Amino acid sequence: MDNRRLTLLGRTAIVACAPYLALKLMWVLGSRIGIVDLHGIGQATWVAGNAVTFLMDAIAALVAYTLTRPGGLRAPAWLLVFPLWMATGLLTLLMLNVPGSLLAGLFVDSPNPMTKGDFIQPWVYGVVYGGFIIEGITLLGAFAVYAHQRWGGLLRRPLRELPDTGTRAVQRILALPAAVLTAGFGVVEILWGTGSTLGVTKADAAARTIVSYTSGCVQGLLSLACALGVLLLLFPRLLPRRTPLAGLRVRVPLALAWTGSAVTFGWGGCLWATQTVAGVLSAGAPPAQGGLPGLVGAAELCTGLVLLCTGAFTLAELTAQQAGRTGPAGISPSGTSRRECPAAGDR
């Protein structure tokens, strides 16, 4: 049943990528379909941006295909985990922000670029974001099934029983400040999403739309969720005994940390870095934000990388411990087959 579900979800994700890939390919080849006005963006910048985003979605489709293959469980973990982490960050915010901004637009009088039609025709947003929502649900759903097949023993383990690792002290030194900073960024993002102009220039404040407001709220809440998940993973035995939280599984705080850190890195740090590079290379590209927004963006890039690296090292240690208990081929010392960590590639 899990294999059939995984195959269905993965193949649906591949199909959901098709409209976006087709549209991007036409724009790279010079088509103007769906374009109203590029607002001074140079042709080279436009083509390069579309080529990069085409490649990113093509990688997502390839990863979805790999998840459904019989040999997918033997694929090197690092080859799948990083693109899926990035996809989680980019797609999760879109899945929440697009319907959220449409709903908020019913109650708040603020411009919505998806319906304004002065840059891209509205039907393009429907095709692209509709495809992203389907892709996000199916791709991340497929990865959830895949992860439980490959690392289910670790994910289902009670958090209080999470074994100590040799680098736990170093993890706390690196990840604890990153979690605290991420929580601070979350509070700032929520303030911006609710209308605050703290550290924002008048020009940037005037350019806000309903999409930027809802994006700030969603990103801020997910940043706070990330900080909570990281703290639970760093201090698993702080959970009170004899309460429902005592039976909390590892997968819950791990999902919070995974999703929140990916959103913080993808929509905070990477967006800031992209705008910075584009502003340097092209006079027609919008400049990167300065002041407090620029500082937050640069810091989100750094904290996202710190959390990614510490998380990768931690999971590598835990899966190595599990592999040591079950044997190199996933066989327990008693001779029975175990699926908790079937191969050294899990690390």
C-alpha atoms as a PDB file:
ATOM      1  CA  MET A   1       0.000   0.000   0.000  1.00  0.00           C
ATOM      2  CA  ASP A   2       2.817   2.442   0.857  1.00  0.00           C
ATOM      3  CA  ASN A   3       4.566   1.708  -2.444  1.00  0.00           C
ATOM      4  CA  ARG A   4       1.389   2.365  -4.431  1.00  0.00           C
ATOM      5  CA  ARG A   5       0.784   5.594  -2.529  1.00  0.00           C
ATOM      6  CA  LEU A   6       4.372   6.688  -3.080  1.00  0.00           C
ATOM      7  CA  THR A   7       4.177   5.972  -6.807  1.00  0.00           C
ATOM      8  CA  LEU A   8       0.887   7.834  -7.200  1.00  0.00           C
ATOM      9  CA  LEU A   9       2.089  10.887  -5.298  1.00  0.00           C
ATOM     10  CA  GLY A  10       5.453  10.998  -7.070  1.00  0.00           C
ATOM     11  CA  ARG A  11       4.020  10.697 -10.557  1.00  0.00           C
ATOM     12  CA  THR A  12       1.361  13.317  -9.833  1.00  0.00           C
ATOM     13  CA  ALA A  13       4.139  15.672  -8.698  1.00  0.00           C
ATOM     14  CA  ILE A  14       5.956  15.122 -12.007  1.00  0.00           C
ATOM     15  CA  VAL A  15       2.804  15.953 -13.983  1.00  0.00           C
ATOM     16  CA  ALA A  16       2.224  19.059 -11.829  1.00  0.00           C
ATOM     17  CA  CYS A  17       5.687  20.341 -12.822  1.00  0.00           C
ATOM     18  CA  ALA A  18       4.862  20.232 -16.544  1.00  0.00           C
ATOM     19  CA  PRO A  19       2.925  23.555 -16.958  1.00  0.00           C
ATOM     20  CA  TYR A  20       5.583  25.570 -15.157  1.00  0.00           C
ATOM     21  CA  LEU A  21       8.419  23.921 -17.071  1.00  0.00           C
ATOM     22  CA  ALA A  22       6.671  24.508 -20.406  1.00  0.00           C
ATOM     23  CA  LEU A  23       6.024  28.171 -19.619  1.00  0.00           C
ATOM     24  CA  LYS A  24       9.582  28.789 -18.444  1.00  0.00           C
ATOM     25  CA  LEU A  25      11.012  27.078 -21.522  1.00  0.00           C
ATOM     26  CA  MET A  26       8.936  29.289 -23.827  1.00  0.00           C
ATOM     27  CA  TRP A  27      10.131  32.418 -22.014  1.00  0.00           C
ATOM     28  CA  VAL A  28      13.762  31.298 -22.253  1.00  0.00           C
ATOM     29  CA  LEU A  29      13.298  30.756 -25.992  1.00  0.00           C
ATOM     30  CA  GLY A  30      11.954  34.294 -26.424  1.00  0.00           C
ATOM     31  CA  SER A  31       8.175  33.892 -26.242  1.00  0.00           C
ATOM     32  CA  ARG A  32       6.180  36.723 -24.661  1.00  0.00           C
ATOM     33  CA  ILE A  33       3.143  34.637 -23.772  1.00  0.00           C
ATOM     34  CA  GLY A  34       1.477  35.880 -20.602  1.00  0.00           C
ATOM     35  CA  ILE A  35       3.851  38.851 -20.235  1.00  0.00           C
ATOM     36  CA  VAL A  36       2.403  42.352 -19.916  1.00  0.00           C
ATOM     37  CA  ASP A  37       5.434  44.498 -19.055  1.00  0.00           C
ATOM     38  CA  LEU A  38       8.871  43.511 -17.753  1.00  0.00           C
ATOM     39  CA  HIS A  39       9.245  46.911 -16.030  1.00  0.00           C
ATOM     40  CA  GLY A  40      12.795  47.488 -17.220  1.00  0.00           C
ATOM     41  CA  ILE A  41      14.176  44.027 -16.469  1.00  0.00           C
ATOM     42  CA  GLY A  42      16.922  43.354 -19.003  1.00  0.00           C
ATOM     43  CA  GLN A  43      16.560  40.518 -21.476  1.00  0.00           C
ATOM     44  CA  ALA A  44      19.687  38.768 -20.205  1.00  0.00           C
ATOM     45  CA  THR A  45      18.477  38.928 -16.597  1.00  0.00           C
ATOM     46  CA  TRP A  46      15.022  37.715 -17.623  1.00  0.00           C
ATOM     47  CA  VAL A  47      16.400  34.738 -19.554  1.00  0.00           C
ATOM     48  CA  ALA A  48      18.915  33.820 -16.842  1.00  0.00           C
ATOM     49  CA  GLY A  49      16.282  33.974 -14.103  1.00  0.00           C
ATOM     50  CA  ASN A  50      13.880  31.795 -16.058  1.00  0.00           C
ATOM     51  CA  ALA A  51      16.634  29.317 -16.935  1.00  0.00           C
ATOM     52  CA  VAL A  52      17.603  28.938 -13.267  1.00  0.00           C
ATOM     53  CA  THR A  53      14.000  28.464 -12.090  1.00  0.00           C
ATOM     54  CA  PHE A  54      13.390  26.005 -14.941  1.00  0.00           C
ATOM     55  CA  LEU A  55      16.377  23.989 -13.734  1.00  0.00           C
ATOM     56  CA  MET A  56      15.153  24.076 -10.128  1.00  0.00           C
ATOM     57  CA  ASP A  57      11.729  22.692 -11.032  1.00  0.00           C
ATOM     58  CA  ALA A  58      13.294  20.123 -13.358  1.00  0.00           C
ATOM     59  CA  ILE A  59      15.396  18.893 -10.420  1.00  0.00           C
ATOM     60  CA  ALA A  60      12.200  18.640  -8.343  1.00  0.00           C
ATOM     61  CA  ALA A  61      10.615  16.495 -11.058  1.00  0.00           C
ATOM     62  CA  LEU A  62      13.730  14.309 -11.226  1.00  0.00           C
ATOM     63  CA  VAL A  63      13.731  13.865  -7.445  1.00  0.00           C
ATOM     64  CA  ALA A  64      10.037  12.913  -7.531  1.00  0.00           C
ATOM     65  CA  TYR A  65      10.846  10.318 -10.179  1.00  0.00           C
ATOM     66  CA  THR A  66      13.732   8.936  -8.105  1.00  0.00           C
ATOM     67  CA  LEU A  67      11.485   8.542  -5.056  1.00  0.00           C
ATOM     68  CA  THR A  68       9.158   6.250  -7.019  1.00  0.00           C
ATOM     69  CA  ARG A  69      11.866   4.016  -8.487  1.00  0.00           C
ATOM     70  CA  PRO A  70      12.507   0.556  -6.978  1.00  0.00           C
ATOM     71  CA  GLY A  71      16.114   1.581  -6.340  1.00  0.00           C
ATOM     72  CA  GLY A  72      15.130   4.882  -4.730  1.00  0.00           C
ATOM     73  CA  LEU A  73      15.767   3.548  -1.228  1.00  0.00           C
ATOM     74  CA  ARG A  74      19.383   2.856  -2.219  1.00  0.00           C
ATOM     75  CA  ALA A  75      20.016   6.362  -3.582  1.00  0.00           C
ATOM     76  CA  PRO A  76      22.548   8.397  -1.552  1.00  0.00           C
ATOM     77  CA  ALA A  77      20.632  10.308   1.098  1.00  0.00           C
ATOM     78  CA  TRP A  78      22.464  13.589   0.495  1.00  0.00           C
ATOM     79  CA  LEU A  79      21.479  13.487  -3.182  1.00  0.00           C
ATOM     80  CA  LEU A  80      17.785  13.647  -2.265  1.00  0.00           C
ATOM     81  CA  VAL A  81      17.657  15.426   1.079  1.00  0.00           C
ATOM     82  CA  PHE A  82      19.095  18.814   0.074  1.00  0.00           C
ATOM     83  CA  PRO A  83      16.843  19.424  -2.977  1.00  0.00           C
ATOM     84  CA  LEU A  84      13.840  18.178  -0.985  1.00  0.00           C
ATOM     85  CA  TRP A  85      14.735  20.527   1.871  1.00  0.00           C
ATOM     86  CA  MET A  86      14.869  23.433  -0.566  1.00  0.00           C
ATOM     87  CA  ALA A  87      11.625  22.316  -2.208  1.00  0.00           C
ATOM     88  CA  THR A  88       9.975  22.129   1.206  1.00  0.00           C
ATOM     89  CA  GLY A  89      10.888  25.736   1.952  1.00  0.00           C
ATOM     90  CA  LEU A  90       9.905  27.165  -1.423  1.00  0.00           C
ATOM     91  CA  LEU A  91       6.676  25.203  -1.868  1.00  0.00           C
ATOM     92  CA  THR A  92       5.354  25.309   1.706  1.00  0.00           C
ATOM     93  CA  LEU A  93       5.233  29.090   1.830  1.00  0.00           C
ATOM     94  CA  LEU A  94       3.537  29.215  -1.586  1.00  0.00           C
ATOM     95  CA  MET A  95       0.969  26.612  -0.568  1.00  0.00           C
ATOM     96  CA  LEU A  96       0.032  28.691   2.468  1.00  0.00           C
ATOM     97  CA  ASN A  97       0.590  32.187   1.103  1.00  0.00           C
ATOM     98  CA  VAL A  98      -1.380  32.009  -2.168  1.00  0.00           C
ATOM     99  CA  PRO A  99      -4.746  30.961  -0.693  1.00  0.00           C
ATOM    100  CA  GLY A 100      -4.026  33.034   2.410  1.00  0.00           C
ATOM    101  CA  SER A 101      -3.494  36.230   0.412  1.00  0.00           C
ATOM    102  CA  LEU A 102      -6.629  35.601  -1.663  1.00  0.00           C
ATOM    103  CA  LEU A 103      -8.628  35.101   1.526  1.00  0.00           C
ATOM    104  CA  ALA A 104      -7.100  38.132   3.239  1.00  0.00           C
ATOM    105  CA  GLY A 105      -7.883  40.223   0.155  1.00  0.00           C
ATOM    106  CA  LEU A 106     -11.566  39.773   0.921  1.00  0.00           C
ATOM    107  CA  PHE A 107     -11.160  41.704   4.176  1.00  0.00           C
ATOM    108  CA  VAL A 108      -8.147  43.987   3.589  1.00  0.00           C
ATOM    109  CA  ASP A 109      -7.957  46.746   0.984  1.00  0.00           C
ATOM    110  CA  SER A 110      -4.475  46.150  -0.402  1.00  0.00           C
ATOM    111  CA  PRO A 111      -3.257  45.585  -3.988  1.00  0.00           C
ATOM    112  CA  ASN A 112      -2.771  42.001  -5.108  1.00  0.00           C
ATOM    113  CA  PRO A 113      -0.198  41.501  -7.904  1.00  0.00           C
ATOM    114  CA  MET A 114      -1.839  38.200  -8.859  1.00  0.00           C
ATOM    115  CA  THR A 115      -4.995  40.007  -9.986  1.00  0.00           C
ATOM    116  CA  LYS A 116      -3.541  43.404 -10.955  1.00  0.00           C
ATOM    117  CA  GLY A 117      -2.086  42.200 -14.264  1.00  0.00           C
ATOM    118  CA  ASP A 118       0.482  44.972 -14.837  1.00  0.00           C
ATOM    119  CA  PHE A 119       3.473  42.601 -14.987  1.00  0.00           C
ATOM    120  CA  ILE A 120       2.153  39.107 -15.760  1.00  0.00           C
ATOM    121  CA  GLN A 121      -1.348  38.262 -16.923  1.00  0.00           C
ATOM    122  CA  PRO A 122      -3.548  36.859 -14.099  1.00  0.00           C
ATOM    123  CA  TRP A 123      -4.050  33.480 -15.787  1.00  0.00           C
ATOM    124  CA  VAL A 124      -0.287  32.845 -15.529  1.00  0.00           C
ATOM    125  CA  TYR A 125      -0.461  33.090 -11.743  1.00  0.00           C
ATOM    126  CA  GLY A 126      -3.334  30.620 -11.727  1.00  0.00           C
ATOM    127  CA  VAL A 127      -1.441  28.106 -13.847  1.00  0.00           C
ATOM    128  CA  VAL A 128       1.889  28.512 -12.062  1.00  0.00           C
ATOM    129  CA  TYR A 129       0.712  28.712  -8.463  1.00  0.00           C
ATOM    130  CA  GLY A 130      -1.985  26.105  -8.978  1.00  0.00           C
ATOM    131  CA  GLY A 131       0.693  23.754 -10.263  1.00  0.00           C
ATOM    132  CA  PHE A 132       2.975  24.628  -7.344  1.00  0.00           C
ATOM    133  CA  ILE A 133       0.260  23.832  -4.795  1.00  0.00           C
ATOM    134  CA  ILE A 134      -0.419  20.426  -6.366  1.00  0.00           C
ATOM    135  CA  GLU A 135       3.317  19.804  -6.714  1.00  0.00           C
ATOM    136  CA  GLY A 136       3.938  20.736  -3.100  1.00  0.00           C
ATOM    137  CA  ILE A 137       1.212  18.489  -1.718  1.00  0.00           C
ATOM    138  CA  THR A 138       2.211  15.485  -3.800  1.00  0.00           C
ATOM    139  CA  LEU A 139       6.012  15.874  -3.705  1.00  0.00           C
ATOM    140  CA  LEU A 140       6.162  16.458   0.039  1.00  0.00           C
ATOM    141  CA  GLY A 141       3.595  13.721   0.584  1.00  0.00           C
ATOM    142  CA  ALA A 142       5.733  11.319  -1.444  1.00  0.00           C
ATOM    143  CA  PHE A 143       8.801  12.301   0.569  1.00  0.00           C
ATOM    144  CA  ALA A 144       6.932  11.683   3.834  1.00  0.00           C
ATOM    145  CA  VAL A 145       6.087   8.127   2.700  1.00  0.00           C
ATOM    146  CA  TYR A 146       9.654   7.609   1.451  1.00  0.00           C
ATOM    147  CA  ALA A 147      11.182   8.892   4.708  1.00  0.00           C
ATOM    148  CA  HIS A 148       9.081   6.529   6.804  1.00  0.00           C
ATOM    149  CA  GLN A 149      10.127   3.629   4.605  1.00  0.00           C
ATOM    150  CA  ARG A 150      13.812   4.508   4.883  1.00  0.00           C
ATOM    151  CA  TRP A 151      14.180   6.081   8.332  1.00  0.00           C
ATOM    152  CA  GLY A 152      10.945   5.003  10.012  1.00  0.00           C
ATOM    153  CA  GLY A 153      12.668   3.541  13.061  1.00  0.00           C
ATOM    154  CA  LEU A 154      14.181   6.921  13.906  1.00  0.00           C
ATOM    155  CA  LEU A 155      11.113   9.005  13.012  1.00  0.00           C
ATOM    156  CA  ARG A 156       8.741   6.910  15.107  1.00  0.00           C
ATOM    157  CA  ARG A 157      10.997   6.825  18.157  1.00  0.00           C
ATOM    158  CA  PRO A 158       9.761   8.749  21.233  1.00  0.00           C
ATOM    159  CA  LEU A 159      11.630  12.025  21.521  1.00  0.00           C
ATOM    160  CA  ARG A 160      12.665  11.360  25.118  1.00  0.00           C
ATOM    161  CA  GLU A 161      14.385   8.160  23.953  1.00  0.00           C
ATOM    162  CA  LEU A 162      16.481   9.952  21.345  1.00  0.00           C
ATOM    163  CA  PRO A 163      20.016   8.671  21.950  1.00  0.00           C
ATOM    164  CA  ASP A 164      22.852  11.032  22.724  1.00  0.00           C
ATOM    165  CA  THR A 165      25.512  11.553  20.080  1.00  0.00           C
ATOM    166  CA  GLY A 166      29.183  12.336  20.286  1.00  0.00           C
ATOM    167  CA  THR A 167      28.694  15.853  18.984  1.00  0.00           C
ATOM    168  CA  ARG A 168      25.614  16.828  21.017  1.00  0.00           C
ATOM    169  CA  ALA A 169      27.502  19.565  22.902  1.00  0.00           C
ATOM    170  CA  VAL A 170      28.817  21.081  19.664  1.00  0.00           C
ATOM    171  CA  GLN A 171      25.359  20.888  18.139  1.00  0.00           C
ATOM    172  CA  ARG A 172      23.962  22.889  21.020  1.00  0.00           C
ATOM    173  CA  ILE A 173      26.710  25.496  20.746  1.00  0.00           C
ATOM    174  CA  LEU A 174      25.917  26.041  17.050  1.00  0.00           C
ATOM    175  CA  ALA A 175      22.206  25.345  16.754  1.00  0.00           C
ATOM    176  CA  LEU A 176      20.937  26.981  19.948  1.00  0.00           C
ATOM    177  CA  PRO A 177      21.986  30.542  18.951  1.00  0.00           C
ATOM    178  CA  ALA A 178      20.682  29.867  15.422  1.00  0.00           C
ATOM    179  CA  ALA A 179      17.314  28.803  16.852  1.00  0.00           C
ATOM    180  CA  VAL A 180      17.112  31.891  19.070  1.00  0.00           C
ATOM    181  CA  LEU A 181      17.966  34.158  16.127  1.00  0.00           C
ATOM    182  CA  THR A 182      15.410  32.379  13.935  1.00  0.00           C
ATOM    183  CA  ALA A 183      12.743  32.997  16.573  1.00  0.00           C
ATOM    184  CA  GLY A 184      13.733  36.682  16.617  1.00  0.00           C
ATOM    185  CA  PHE A 185      13.474  36.857  12.837  1.00  0.00           C
ATOM    186  CA  GLY A 186      10.055  35.231  13.097  1.00  0.00           C
ATOM    187  CA  VAL A 187       8.822  37.959  15.424  1.00  0.00           C
ATOM    188  CA  VAL A 188      10.149  40.661  13.072  1.00  0.00           C
ATOM    189  CA  GLU A 189       8.542  38.990  10.038  1.00  0.00           C
ATOM    190  CA  ILE A 190       5.196  38.818  11.837  1.00  0.00           C
ATOM    191  CA  LEU A 191       5.466  42.502  12.736  1.00  0.00           C
ATOM    192  CA  TRP A 192       6.081  43.348   9.079  1.00  0.00           C
ATOM    193  CA  GLY A 193       3.251  41.067   8.027  1.00  0.00           C
ATOM    194  CA  THR A 194       0.837  42.867  10.327  1.00  0.00           C
ATOM    195  CA  GLY A 195       1.727  46.303   8.962  1.00  0.00           C
ATOM    196  CA  SER A 196       4.704  47.467  11.018  1.00  0.00           C
ATOM    197  CA  THR A 197       7.271  49.652   9.231  1.00  0.00           C
ATOM    198  CA  LEU A 198      10.065  48.828  11.689  1.00  0.00           C
ATOM    199  CA  GLY A 199      13.327  49.435   9.829  1.00  0.00           C
ATOM    200  CA  VAL A 200      11.528  49.636   6.458  1.00  0.00           C
ATOM    201  CA  THR A 201      12.058  52.555   4.105  1.00  0.00           C
ATOM    202  CA  LYS A 202       9.083  54.613   2.939  1.00  0.00           C
ATOM    203  CA  ALA A 203       9.506  53.352  -0.622  1.00  0.00           C
ATOM    204  CA  ASP A 204       9.475  49.688   0.465  1.00  0.00           C
ATOM    205  CA  ALA A 205       6.524  50.289   2.750  1.00  0.00           C
ATOM    206  CA  ALA A 206       4.552  51.910  -0.081  1.00  0.00           C
ATOM    207  CA  ALA A 207       5.325  48.963  -2.386  1.00  0.00           C
ATOM    208  CA  ARG A 208       3.791  46.392  -0.043  1.00  0.00           C
ATOM    209  CA  THR A 209       0.923  44.224  -1.255  1.00  0.00           C
ATOM    210  CA  ILE A 210      -1.453  41.767   0.356  1.00  0.00           C
ATOM    211  CA  VAL A 211       0.928  39.012  -0.772  1.00  0.00           C
ATOM    212  CA  SER A 212       3.877  40.526   1.105  1.00  0.00           C
ATOM    213  CA  TYR A 213       1.751  40.977   4.243  1.00  0.00           C
ATOM    214  CA  THR A 214       0.556  37.367   4.302  1.00  0.00           C
ATOM    215  CA  SER A 215       4.028  36.136   3.350  1.00  0.00           C
ATOM    216  CA  GLY A 216       5.506  37.909   6.363  1.00  0.00           C
ATOM    217  CA  CYS A 217       2.965  36.350   8.719  1.00  0.00           C
ATOM    218  CA  VAL A 218       3.389  32.847   7.297  1.00  0.00           C
ATOM    219  CA  GLN A 219       7.177  33.044   7.231  1.00  0.00           C
ATOM    220  CA  GLY A 220       7.267  34.422  10.766  1.00  0.00           C
ATOM    221  CA  LEU A 221       5.072  31.652  12.164  1.00  0.00           C
ATOM    222  CA  LEU A 222       7.143  28.984  10.425  1.00  0.00           C
ATOM    223  CA  SER A 223      10.349  30.539  11.794  1.00  0.00           C
ATOM    224  CA  LEU A 224       8.931  30.286  15.304  1.00  0.00           C
ATOM    225  CA  ALA A 225       7.952  26.668  14.593  1.00  0.00           C
ATOM    226  CA  CYS A 226      11.522  26.019  13.446  1.00  0.00           C
ATOM    227  CA  ALA A 227      12.961  27.396  16.689  1.00  0.00           C
ATOM    228  CA  LEU A 228      10.583  25.243  18.747  1.00  0.00           C
ATOM    229  CA  GLY A 229      11.470  22.112  16.790  1.00  0.00           C
ATOM    230  CA  VAL A 230      15.213  22.719  17.103  1.00  0.00           C
ATOM    231  CA  LEU A 231      14.967  23.310  20.861  1.00  0.00           C
ATOM    232  CA  LEU A 232      13.006  20.076  21.338  1.00  0.00           C
ATOM    233  CA  LEU A 233      15.601  18.125  19.332  1.00  0.00           C
ATOM    234  CA  LEU A 234      18.511  19.686  21.231  1.00  0.00           C
ATOM    235  CA  PHE A 235      16.951  19.130  24.676  1.00  0.00           C
ATOM    236  CA  PRO A 236      14.640  16.127  24.264  1.00  0.00           C
ATOM    237  CA  ARG A 237      14.590  15.222  27.946  1.00  0.00           C
ATOM    238  CA  LEU A 238      13.193  18.590  29.010  1.00  0.00           C
ATOM    239  CA  LEU A 239       9.698  17.387  28.100  1.00  0.00           C
ATOM    240  CA  PRO A 240       7.675  16.785  31.265  1.00  0.00           C
ATOM    241  CA  ARG A 241       7.033  13.169  32.198  1.00  0.00           C
ATOM    242  CA  ARG A 242       3.546  11.705  32.663  1.00  0.00           C
ATOM    243  CA  THR A 243       2.002  14.134  30.189  1.00  0.00           C
ATOM    244  CA  PRO A 244       0.850  13.646  26.582  1.00  0.00           C
ATOM    245  CA  LEU A 245       4.052  15.398  25.476  1.00  0.00           C
ATOM    246  CA  ALA A 246       6.154  12.643  27.027  1.00  0.00           C
ATOM    247  CA  GLY A 247       5.215  10.352  24.123  1.00  0.00           C
ATOM    248  CA  LEU A 248       6.020  12.893  21.422  1.00  0.00           C
ATOM    249  CA  ARG A 249       7.704  11.242  18.433  1.00  0.00           C
ATOM    250  CA  VAL A 250      10.895  12.489  16.826  1.00  0.00           C
ATOM    251  CA  ARG A 251       9.081  13.155  13.548  1.00  0.00           C
ATOM    252  CA  VAL A 252       7.048  16.045  15.021  1.00  0.00           C
ATOM    253  CA  PRO A 253       9.872  18.410  16.107  1.00  0.00           C
ATOM    254  CA  LEU A 254      11.954  17.240  13.149  1.00  0.00           C
ATOM    255  CA  ALA A 255       9.164  18.253  10.751  1.00  0.00           C
ATOM    256  CA  LEU A 256       8.910  21.664  12.455  1.00  0.00           C
ATOM    257  CA  ALA A 257      12.659  22.246  12.283  1.00  0.00           C
ATOM    258  CA  TRP A 258      12.910  20.896   8.721  1.00  0.00           C
ATOM    259  CA  THR A 259      10.071  23.010   7.318  1.00  0.00           C
ATOM    260  CA  GLY A 260      10.767  26.185   9.274  1.00  0.00           C
ATOM    261  CA  SER A 261      14.503  26.244   8.546  1.00  0.00           C
ATOM    262  CA  ALA A 262      13.860  25.558   4.851  1.00  0.00           C
ATOM    263  CA  VAL A 263      11.370  28.432   4.598  1.00  0.00           C
ATOM    264  CA  THR A 264      13.693  30.781   6.498  1.00  0.00           C
ATOM    265  CA  PHE A 265      16.609  29.891   4.250  1.00  0.00           C
ATOM    266  CA  GLY A 266      14.698  29.764   0.954  1.00  0.00           C
ATOM    267  CA  TRP A 267      12.443  32.810   1.248  1.00  0.00           C
ATOM    268  CA  GLY A 268      14.615  34.854   3.573  1.00  0.00           C
ATOM    269  CA  GLY A 269      18.284  34.192   2.906  1.00  0.00           C
ATOM    270  CA  CYS A 270      18.202  32.951  -0.687  1.00  0.00           C
ATOM    271  CA  LEU A 271      15.806  35.684  -1.813  1.00  0.00           C
ATOM    272  CA  TRP A 272      18.068  38.324  -0.294  1.00  0.00           C
ATOM    273  CA  ALA A 273      21.150  36.749  -1.904  1.00  0.00           C
ATOM    274  CA  THR A 274      19.405  36.531  -5.304  1.00  0.00           C
ATOM    275  CA  GLN A 275      18.378  40.174  -5.196  1.00  0.00           C
ATOM    276  CA  THR A 276      21.896  41.178  -4.168  1.00  0.00           C
ATOM    277  CA  VAL A 277      23.535  39.299  -7.030  1.00  0.00           C
ATOM    278  CA  ALA A 278      20.936  40.499  -9.558  1.00  0.00           C
ATOM    279  CA  GLY A 279      21.372  44.087  -8.403  1.00  0.00           C
ATOM    280  CA  VAL A 280      25.137  43.856  -8.909  1.00  0.00           C
ATOM    281  CA  LEU A 281      24.939  42.201 -12.330  1.00  0.00           C
ATOM    282  CA  SER A 282      22.061  44.158 -13.854  1.00  0.00           C
ATOM    283  CA  ALA A 283      21.032  47.763 -13.539  1.00  0.00           C
ATOM    284  CA  GLY A 284      17.465  46.803 -14.465  1.00  0.00           C
ATOM    285  CA  ALA A 285      17.004  44.357 -11.610  1.00  0.00           C
ATOM    286  CA  PRO A 286      15.407  45.515  -8.349  1.00  0.00           C
ATOM    287  CA  PRO A 287      18.095  46.298  -5.769  1.00  0.00           C
ATOM    288  CA  ALA A 288      18.516  44.194  -2.662  1.00  0.00           C
ATOM    289  CA  GLN A 289      16.882  45.558   0.455  1.00  0.00           C
ATOM    290  CA  GLY A 290      19.112  47.408   2.864  1.00  0.00           C
ATOM    291  CA  GLY A 291      18.739  48.439   6.477  1.00  0.00           C
ATOM    292  CA  LEU A 292      16.987  46.046   8.830  1.00  0.00           C
ATOM    293  CA  PRO A 293      15.346  43.942   6.043  1.00  0.00           C
ATOM    294  CA  GLY A 294      18.744  43.424   4.425  1.00  0.00           C
ATOM    295  CA  LEU A 295      20.328  42.521   7.755  1.00  0.00           C
ATOM    296  CA  VAL A 296      17.564  40.030   8.507  1.00  0.00           C
ATOM    297  CA  GLY A 297      17.877  38.483   5.043  1.00  0.00           C
ATOM    298  CA  ALA A 298      21.641  38.032   5.356  1.00  0.00           C
ATOM    299  CA  ALA A 299      21.302  36.586   8.861  1.00  0.00           C
ATOM    300  CA  GLU A 300      18.559  34.194   7.721  1.00  0.00           C
ATOM    301  CA  LEU A 301      20.922  32.907   5.033  1.00  0.00           C
ATOM    302  CA  CYS A 302      23.580  32.164   7.667  1.00  0.00           C
ATOM    303  CA  THR A 303      21.281  30.627  10.286  1.00  0.00           C
ATOM    304  CA  GLY A 304      19.618  28.452   7.639  1.00  0.00           C
ATOM    305  CA  LEU A 305      22.996  27.060   6.605  1.00  0.00           C
ATOM    306  CA  VAL A 306      23.995  26.459  10.239  1.00  0.00           C
ATOM    307  CA  LEU A 307      20.786  24.546  10.953  1.00  0.00           C
ATOM    308  CA  LEU A 308      21.143  22.558   7.723  1.00  0.00           C
ATOM    309  CA  CYS A 309      24.702  21.509   8.559  1.00  0.00           C
ATOM    310  CA  THR A 310      24.066  20.646  12.207  1.00  0.00           C
ATOM    311  CA  GLY A 311      20.928  18.744  11.265  1.00  0.00           C
ATOM    312  CA  ALA A 312      22.775  16.785   8.600  1.00  0.00           C
ATOM    313  CA  PHE A 313      25.568  15.828  11.014  1.00  0.00           C
ATOM    314  CA  THR A 314      23.063  14.822  13.701  1.00  0.00           C
ATOM    315  CA  LEU A 315      21.008  12.619  11.390  1.00  0.00           C
ATOM    316  CA  ALA A 316      24.181  11.045  10.000  1.00  0.00           C
ATOM    317  CA  GLU A 317      25.271  10.103  13.521  1.00  0.00           C
ATOM    318  CA  LEU A 318      21.871   8.728  14.482  1.00  0.00           C
ATOM    319  CA  THR A 319      21.490   6.629  11.348  1.00  0.00           C
ATOM    320  CA  ALA A 320      25.070   5.392  11.756  1.00  0.00           C
ATOM    321  CA  GLN A 321      24.217   4.247  15.280  1.00  0.00           C
ATOM    322  CA  GLN A 322      21.112   2.488  13.995  1.00  0.00           C
ATOM    323  CA  ALA A 323      23.088   0.838  11.216  1.00  0.00           C
ATOM    324  CA  GLY A 324      25.596  -0.378  13.771  1.00  0.00           C
ATOM    325  CA  ARG A 325      22.842  -2.060  15.775  1.00  0.00           C
ATOM    326  CA  THR A 326      21.141  -3.683  12.787  1.00  0.00           C
ATOM    327  CA  GLY A 327      24.271  -4.537  10.787  1.00  0.00           C
ATOM    328  CA  PRO A 328      25.468  -3.217   7.433  1.00  0.00           C
ATOM    329  CA  ALA A 329      22.690  -4.911   5.484  1.00  0.00           C
ATOM    330  CA  GLY A 330      19.852  -4.033   7.814  1.00  0.00           C
ATOM    331  CA  ILE A 331      20.020  -7.376   9.688  1.00  0.00           C
ATOM    332  CA  SER A 332      19.678  -7.330  13.438  1.00  0.00           C
ATOM    333  CA  PRO A 333      22.072  -9.368  15.607  1.00  0.00           C
ATOM    334  CA  SER A 334      19.315 -11.958  16.089  1.00  0.00           C
ATOM    335  CA  GLY A 335      19.188 -12.505  12.328  1.00  0.00           C
ATOM    336  CA  THR A 336      15.815 -10.867  11.640  1.00  0.00           C
ATOM    337  CA  SER A 337      15.443  -8.295   8.908  1.00  0.00           C
ATOM    338  CA  ARG A 338      15.097  -4.657   9.933  1.00  0.00           C
ATOM    339  CA  ARG A 339      13.939  -1.799   7.698  1.00  0.00           C
ATOM    340  CA  GLU A 340      14.827   1.066  10.050  1.00  0.00           C
ATOM    341  CA  CYS A 341      18.101   1.912   8.327  1.00  0.00           C
ATOM    342  CA  PRO A 342      18.686  -0.491   5.445  1.00  0.00           C
ATOM    343  CA  ALA A 343      21.916   0.791   3.960  1.00  0.00           C
ATOM    344  CA  ALA A 344      25.016   2.828   4.654  1.00  0.00           C
ATOM    345  CA  GLY A 345      23.779   5.336   2.067  1.00  0.00           C
ATOM    346  CA  ASP A 346      21.190   6.498   4.609  1.00  0.00           C
ATOM    347  CA  ARG A 347      23.978   8.534   6.131  1.00  0.00           C
END
